[in-house]
């Protein structure tokens, strides 16, 4: 069985830097909505990482994942939402 992969890099302001097969919306500070151009047939595995942050204490996590996309929250390392550049890969 062949798997599908969508990956990309998104700026802290919510602009698509690289990748295809998705759109992104910067919902509010520290929150992004990624929508796949074509939905997966089942829930994909989504992995993210922050890029170009100045502290290892910053974090990112995926929530509300569906075959059509996912929401991502990023933090500033002090326990508050904070905008950050991130990369992701979704496989399913």
N, C-alpha and C. Protein backbone atom coordinates (compact mmCIF):
# COMPACT_ATOMS: atom_id res chain seq x y z
N UNK A 1 0.84 -1.17 0.00
CA UNK A 1 0.00 0.00 0.00
C UNK A 1 0.89 1.25 0.00
N UNK A 2 0.58 2.19 -0.85
CA UNK A 2 1.35 3.42 -0.93
C UNK A 2 0.86 4.40 0.12
N UNK A 3 1.77 5.16 0.69
CA UNK A 3 1.38 6.17 1.65
C UNK A 3 1.48 7.54 1.01
N UNK A 4 0.77 8.48 1.59
CA UNK A 4 0.76 9.86 1.13
C UNK A 4 1.56 10.69 2.13
N UNK A 5 2.30 11.68 1.64
CA UNK A 5 3.07 12.56 2.50
C UNK A 5 2.84 14.01 2.08
N UNK A 6 2.59 14.86 3.05
CA UNK A 6 2.53 16.31 2.84
C UNK A 6 3.48 16.92 3.86
N UNK A 7 4.35 17.83 3.39
CA UNK A 7 5.27 18.47 4.32
C UNK A 7 5.44 19.92 3.93
N UNK A 8 5.89 20.71 4.91
CA UNK A 8 6.10 22.11 4.61
C UNK A 8 6.78 22.85 5.74
N UNK A 9 7.13 24.09 5.43
CA UNK A 9 7.69 25.03 6.40
C UNK A 9 6.81 26.27 6.36
N UNK A 10 6.46 26.78 7.55
CA UNK A 10 5.56 27.91 7.69
C UNK A 10 6.24 28.99 8.52
N UNK A 11 6.13 30.24 8.10
CA UNK A 11 6.73 31.35 8.84
C UNK A 11 5.93 31.64 10.11
N UNK A 12 6.53 32.39 11.01
CA UNK A 12 5.84 32.74 12.26
C UNK A 12 4.58 33.54 12.00
N UNK A 13 4.52 34.23 10.87
CA UNK A 13 3.33 35.00 10.52
C UNK A 13 2.28 34.20 9.77
N UNK A 14 2.56 32.93 9.50
CA UNK A 14 1.60 32.06 8.84
C UNK A 14 1.74 31.97 7.33
N UNK A 15 2.87 32.42 6.77
CA UNK A 15 3.08 32.31 5.34
C UNK A 15 3.76 30.99 5.01
N UNK A 16 3.33 30.40 3.91
CA UNK A 16 3.91 29.15 3.43
C UNK A 16 5.30 29.45 2.86
N UNK A 17 6.34 28.88 3.46
CA UNK A 17 7.72 29.08 2.98
C UNK A 17 8.08 28.01 1.97
N UNK A 18 7.73 26.76 2.26
CA UNK A 18 8.02 25.68 1.32
C UNK A 18 6.99 24.58 1.48
N UNK A 19 6.99 23.69 0.49
CA UNK A 19 6.06 22.56 0.49
C UNK A 19 4.84 22.86 -0.37
N UNK A 20 4.13 21.79 -0.70
CA UNK A 20 2.91 21.89 -1.49
C UNK A 20 1.87 20.96 -0.89
N UNK A 21 0.64 21.11 -1.32
CA UNK A 21 -0.42 20.22 -0.88
C UNK A 21 -1.10 20.67 0.40
N UNK A 22 -0.91 21.94 0.78
CA UNK A 22 -1.55 22.45 1.99
C UNK A 22 -1.70 23.96 1.92
N UNK A 23 -2.60 24.47 2.74
CA UNK A 23 -2.71 25.90 2.98
C UNK A 23 -2.61 26.09 4.49
N UNK A 24 -2.29 27.30 4.91
CA UNK A 24 -2.14 27.57 6.34
C UNK A 24 -2.81 28.90 6.67
N UNK A 25 -3.42 28.97 7.84
CA UNK A 25 -4.06 30.18 8.33
C UNK A 25 -3.54 30.47 9.73
N UNK A 26 -3.04 31.68 9.95
CA UNK A 26 -2.57 32.10 11.27
C UNK A 26 -3.80 32.57 12.04
N UNK A 27 -4.31 31.72 12.91
CA UNK A 27 -5.58 31.97 13.61
C UNK A 27 -5.45 33.13 14.60
N UNK A 28 -4.45 33.05 15.45
CA UNK A 28 -4.15 34.09 16.44
C UNK A 28 -2.75 33.81 16.96
N UNK A 29 -2.26 34.62 17.87
CA UNK A 29 -0.90 34.44 18.38
C UNK A 29 -0.68 33.00 18.83
N UNK A 30 0.31 32.36 18.22
CA UNK A 30 0.70 31.00 18.60
C UNK A 30 -0.22 29.89 18.11
N UNK A 31 -1.17 30.19 17.23
CA UNK A 31 -2.11 29.17 16.74
C UNK A 31 -2.23 29.23 15.22
N UNK A 32 -2.10 28.06 14.60
CA UNK A 32 -2.13 27.94 13.15
C UNK A 32 -3.06 26.79 12.76
N UNK A 33 -3.75 26.95 11.62
CA UNK A 33 -4.59 25.89 11.07
C UNK A 33 -4.02 25.49 9.72
N UNK A 34 -3.64 24.23 9.58
CA UNK A 34 -3.11 23.70 8.33
C UNK A 34 -4.18 22.81 7.71
N UNK A 35 -4.51 23.08 6.45
CA UNK A 35 -5.52 22.30 5.72
C UNK A 35 -4.86 21.65 4.52
N UNK A 36 -5.04 20.35 4.37
CA UNK A 36 -4.47 19.63 3.24
C UNK A 36 -5.32 19.88 2.00
N UNK A 37 -4.68 20.06 0.84
CA UNK A 37 -5.40 20.29 -0.41
C UNK A 37 -6.29 19.11 -0.77
N UNK A 38 -5.82 17.91 -0.49
CA UNK A 38 -6.61 16.69 -0.66
C UNK A 38 -6.51 15.91 0.65
N UNK A 39 -7.64 15.58 1.22
CA UNK A 39 -7.66 14.90 2.51
C UNK A 39 -7.01 13.52 2.42
N UNK A 40 -6.45 13.09 3.53
CA UNK A 40 -5.95 11.72 3.66
C UNK A 40 -7.15 10.80 3.78
N UNK A 41 -6.98 9.51 3.51
CA UNK A 41 -8.08 8.56 3.63
C UNK A 41 -8.33 8.17 5.09
N UNK A 42 -7.35 8.39 5.94
CA UNK A 42 -7.46 8.12 7.38
C UNK A 42 -6.63 9.18 8.11
N UNK A 43 -6.69 9.17 9.41
CA UNK A 43 -5.94 10.14 10.21
C UNK A 43 -4.44 9.95 9.99
N UNK A 44 -3.74 10.99 9.51
CA UNK A 44 -2.30 10.86 9.29
C UNK A 44 -1.51 11.06 10.58
N UNK A 45 -0.29 10.60 10.58
CA UNK A 45 0.65 10.92 11.66
C UNK A 45 1.26 12.27 11.29
N UNK A 46 1.23 13.21 12.23
CA UNK A 46 1.75 14.55 11.99
C UNK A 46 2.87 14.83 12.99
N UNK A 47 4.03 15.21 12.47
CA UNK A 47 5.18 15.55 13.31
C UNK A 47 5.58 16.98 12.99
N UNK A 48 5.86 17.77 14.03
CA UNK A 48 6.26 19.15 13.83
C UNK A 48 7.53 19.46 14.61
N UNK A 49 8.19 20.50 14.19
CA UNK A 49 9.34 21.03 14.93
C UNK A 49 9.42 22.53 14.71
N UNK A 50 9.89 23.24 15.69
CA UNK A 50 10.09 24.68 15.54
C UNK A 50 11.41 24.94 14.83
N UNK A 51 11.48 26.08 14.16
CA UNK A 51 12.69 26.49 13.44
C UNK A 51 13.04 27.91 13.86
N UNK A 52 14.32 28.18 13.92
CA UNK A 52 14.81 29.54 14.15
C UNK A 52 14.29 30.15 15.45
N UNK A 53 14.24 29.35 16.51
CA UNK A 53 13.86 29.89 17.82
C UNK A 53 15.12 30.11 18.65
N UNK A 54 15.04 31.03 19.60
CA UNK A 54 16.23 31.38 20.36
C UNK A 54 16.36 30.66 21.70
N UNK A 55 15.46 29.73 21.98
CA UNK A 55 15.57 28.97 23.22
C UNK A 55 15.00 27.57 23.03
N UNK A 56 15.59 26.62 23.67
CA UNK A 56 15.10 25.23 23.58
C UNK A 56 13.82 25.04 24.37
N UNK A 57 13.43 26.02 25.17
CA UNK A 57 12.23 25.89 25.99
C UNK A 57 10.94 26.14 25.21
N UNK A 58 11.04 26.69 24.00
CA UNK A 58 9.85 26.91 23.17
C UNK A 58 9.29 25.56 22.75
N UNK A 59 7.99 25.51 22.48
CA UNK A 59 7.40 24.24 22.11
C UNK A 59 6.31 24.38 21.07
N UNK A 60 5.93 23.25 20.50
CA UNK A 60 4.84 23.18 19.53
C UNK A 60 4.12 21.87 19.72
N UNK A 61 2.80 21.91 19.54
CA UNK A 61 2.05 20.66 19.59
C UNK A 61 0.86 20.72 18.64
N UNK A 62 0.51 19.54 18.13
CA UNK A 62 -0.60 19.37 17.21
C UNK A 62 -1.85 19.05 18.04
N UNK A 63 -2.97 19.68 17.67
CA UNK A 63 -4.25 19.34 18.29
C UNK A 63 -5.34 19.38 17.22
N UNK A 64 -6.41 18.69 17.49
CA UNK A 64 -7.53 18.60 16.56
C UNK A 64 -7.11 18.15 15.16
N UNK A 65 -6.34 17.08 15.09
CA UNK A 65 -5.93 16.53 13.79
C UNK A 65 -7.08 15.73 13.19
N UNK A 66 -7.26 15.86 11.88
CA UNK A 66 -8.25 15.11 11.12
C UNK A 66 -7.61 14.70 9.80
N UNK A 67 -8.26 13.88 8.99
CA UNK A 67 -7.71 13.58 7.67
C UNK A 67 -7.61 14.81 6.77
N UNK A 68 -8.31 15.89 7.10
CA UNK A 68 -8.30 17.10 6.28
C UNK A 68 -7.26 18.13 6.70
N UNK A 69 -6.69 17.98 7.92
CA UNK A 69 -5.71 18.96 8.38
C UNK A 69 -5.50 18.87 9.88
N UNK A 70 -4.87 19.89 10.44
CA UNK A 70 -4.59 19.91 11.87
C UNK A 70 -4.41 21.34 12.36
N UNK A 71 -4.54 21.50 13.65
CA UNK A 71 -4.22 22.77 14.30
C UNK A 71 -2.92 22.59 15.05
N UNK A 72 -2.15 23.67 15.12
CA UNK A 72 -0.85 23.64 15.78
C UNK A 72 -0.76 24.83 16.72
N UNK A 73 -0.26 24.60 17.92
CA UNK A 73 -0.01 25.67 18.87
C UNK A 73 1.49 25.76 19.12
N UNK A 74 2.00 26.99 19.20
CA UNK A 74 3.41 27.22 19.49
C UNK A 74 3.50 28.12 20.72
N UNK A 75 4.55 27.89 21.52
CA UNK A 75 4.71 28.66 22.74
C UNK A 75 6.02 29.41 22.80
N UNK A 76 6.06 30.39 23.69
CA UNK A 76 7.23 31.26 23.80
C UNK A 76 8.26 30.80 24.82
N UNK A 77 8.05 29.67 25.44
CA UNK A 77 9.00 29.16 26.42
C UNK A 77 8.71 29.64 27.83
N UNK A 78 7.75 30.55 27.98
CA UNK A 78 7.36 31.05 29.29
C UNK A 78 5.95 30.59 29.67
N UNK A 79 5.39 29.68 28.88
CA UNK A 79 4.06 29.17 29.15
C UNK A 79 2.95 29.94 28.45
N UNK A 80 3.31 30.86 27.58
CA UNK A 80 2.32 31.65 26.85
C UNK A 80 2.40 31.34 25.36
N UNK A 81 1.29 31.53 24.64
CA UNK A 81 1.35 31.36 23.19
C UNK A 81 2.34 32.34 22.58
N UNK A 82 3.05 31.89 21.56
CA UNK A 82 4.01 32.75 20.86
C UNK A 82 4.16 32.30 19.43
N UNK A 83 4.19 33.23 18.50
CA UNK A 83 4.35 32.89 17.09
C UNK A 83 5.75 32.35 16.85
N UNK A 84 5.84 31.32 16.00
CA UNK A 84 7.14 30.72 15.70
C UNK A 84 7.09 30.04 14.33
N UNK A 85 8.20 30.09 13.62
CA UNK A 85 8.34 29.35 12.37
C UNK A 85 8.37 27.86 12.70
N UNK A 86 7.69 27.05 11.87
CA UNK A 86 7.68 25.61 12.13
C UNK A 86 7.72 24.82 10.84
N UNK A 87 8.14 23.58 10.96
CA UNK A 87 8.11 22.62 9.86
C UNK A 87 7.23 21.46 10.28
N UNK A 88 6.62 20.80 9.31
CA UNK A 88 5.78 19.64 9.63
C UNK A 88 5.88 18.61 8.53
N UNK A 89 5.54 17.39 8.87
CA UNK A 89 5.36 16.32 7.89
C UNK A 89 4.15 15.51 8.35
N UNK A 90 3.27 15.23 7.41
CA UNK A 90 2.09 14.41 7.67
C UNK A 90 2.16 13.19 6.75
N UNK A 91 2.01 12.01 7.33
CA UNK A 91 2.11 10.76 6.57
C UNK A 91 0.93 9.89 6.90
N UNK A 92 0.34 9.31 5.87
CA UNK A 92 -0.80 8.42 6.11
C UNK A 92 -1.07 7.53 4.93
